[in-house]
Amino acid sequence: ALGTTYPANQTEWADDRVRWFQAAVGVAPTNVAALTNLGDALVDKGDFDAAVGCYRKAIQLDPEFSLAHNNLG
């Protein structure tokens, strides 16, 4: 939840958001919300390949998680 306290879609906070969501995924690697949030933060940082990997992993874990599909698109 700490990663969501930073403004989204802003590059100045992207590094902080990435670190928080990486920690969340590290603790709960099957949490599709954490993976999708990490992907979003990576997009803000400009790391599109890593973001795609996060979205694909979330979709693999839960094919019905529509947010990951949307963000991948």
Protein backbone atom coordinates (compact mmCIF):
# COMPACT_ATOMS: atom_id res chain seq x y z
CA ALA A 1 0.00 0.00 0.00
CA LEU A 2 2.92 2.39 0.58
CA GLY A 3 3.66 2.52 -3.13
CA THR A 4 0.21 3.90 -3.78
CA THR A 5 0.80 6.86 -1.47
CA TYR A 6 3.05 8.44 -4.10
CA PRO A 7 1.52 10.24 -7.08
CA ALA A 8 1.07 7.92 -10.06
CA ASN A 9 2.04 8.84 -13.61
CA GLN A 10 4.90 11.04 -12.43
CA THR A 11 8.50 10.17 -13.17
CA GLU A 12 9.86 12.00 -10.13
CA TRP A 13 8.32 9.42 -7.77
CA ALA A 14 8.70 6.37 -10.02
CA ASP A 15 11.88 5.06 -8.36
CA ASP A 16 10.27 5.14 -4.91
CA ARG A 17 7.12 3.47 -6.20
CA VAL A 18 9.18 0.77 -7.96
CA ARG A 19 11.07 -0.02 -4.74
CA TRP A 20 7.88 -0.35 -2.68
CA PHE A 21 6.17 -2.55 -5.23
CA GLN A 22 9.30 -4.68 -5.69
CA ALA A 23 9.26 -5.27 -1.95
CA ALA A 24 5.57 -6.21 -2.10
CA VAL A 25 6.18 -8.66 -4.94
CA GLY A 26 9.18 -10.06 -3.07
CA VAL A 27 7.00 -10.83 -0.06
CA ALA A 28 3.99 -12.01 -2.09
CA PRO A 29 5.17 -13.06 -5.56
CA THR A 30 1.72 -14.34 -6.56
CA ASN A 31 -0.10 -11.10 -5.68
CA VAL A 32 -1.44 -9.93 -9.03
CA ALA A 33 -2.29 -6.45 -7.72
CA ALA A 34 1.29 -5.92 -6.55
CA LEU A 35 2.63 -7.16 -9.89
CA THR A 36 0.31 -4.85 -11.80
CA ASN A 37 1.20 -1.88 -9.60
CA LEU A 38 4.88 -2.66 -10.12
CA GLY A 39 4.25 -2.70 -13.86
CA ASP A 40 2.56 0.69 -13.65
CA ALA A 41 5.48 2.17 -11.73
CA LEU A 42 7.92 0.71 -14.24
CA VAL A 43 5.97 2.37 -17.07
CA ASP A 44 6.29 5.70 -15.24
CA LYS A 45 10.02 5.04 -15.03
CA GLY A 46 10.18 4.25 -18.76
CA ASP A 47 11.10 0.57 -18.31
CA PHE A 48 8.45 -0.82 -20.65
CA ASP A 49 9.98 -4.27 -21.12
CA ALA A 50 10.01 -4.94 -17.37
CA ALA A 51 6.45 -3.59 -17.09
CA VAL A 52 5.26 -5.98 -19.80
CA GLY A 53 6.86 -8.83 -17.86
CA CYS A 54 4.96 -7.84 -14.71
CA TYR A 55 1.65 -7.63 -16.54
CA ARG A 56 2.21 -10.98 -18.27
CA LYS A 57 3.09 -12.63 -14.95
CA ALA A 58 -0.06 -11.23 -13.35
CA ILE A 59 -2.15 -12.52 -16.26
CA GLN A 60 -0.48 -15.92 -16.02
CA LEU A 61 -1.36 -16.10 -12.32
CA ASP A 62 -4.92 -14.84 -12.76
CA PRO A 63 -6.18 -14.80 -16.37
CA GLU A 64 -9.36 -12.99 -15.28
CA PHE A 65 -7.56 -10.03 -13.65
CA SER A 66 -8.76 -7.42 -16.13
CA LEU A 67 -6.54 -4.57 -14.95
CA ALA A 68 -3.40 -6.44 -15.97
CA HIS A 69 -4.92 -7.10 -19.41
CA ASN A 70 -5.89 -3.46 -19.75
CA ASN A 71 -2.47 -2.17 -18.74
CA LEU A 72 -0.69 -4.62 -21.02
CA GLY A 73 -2.78 -3.30 -23.90
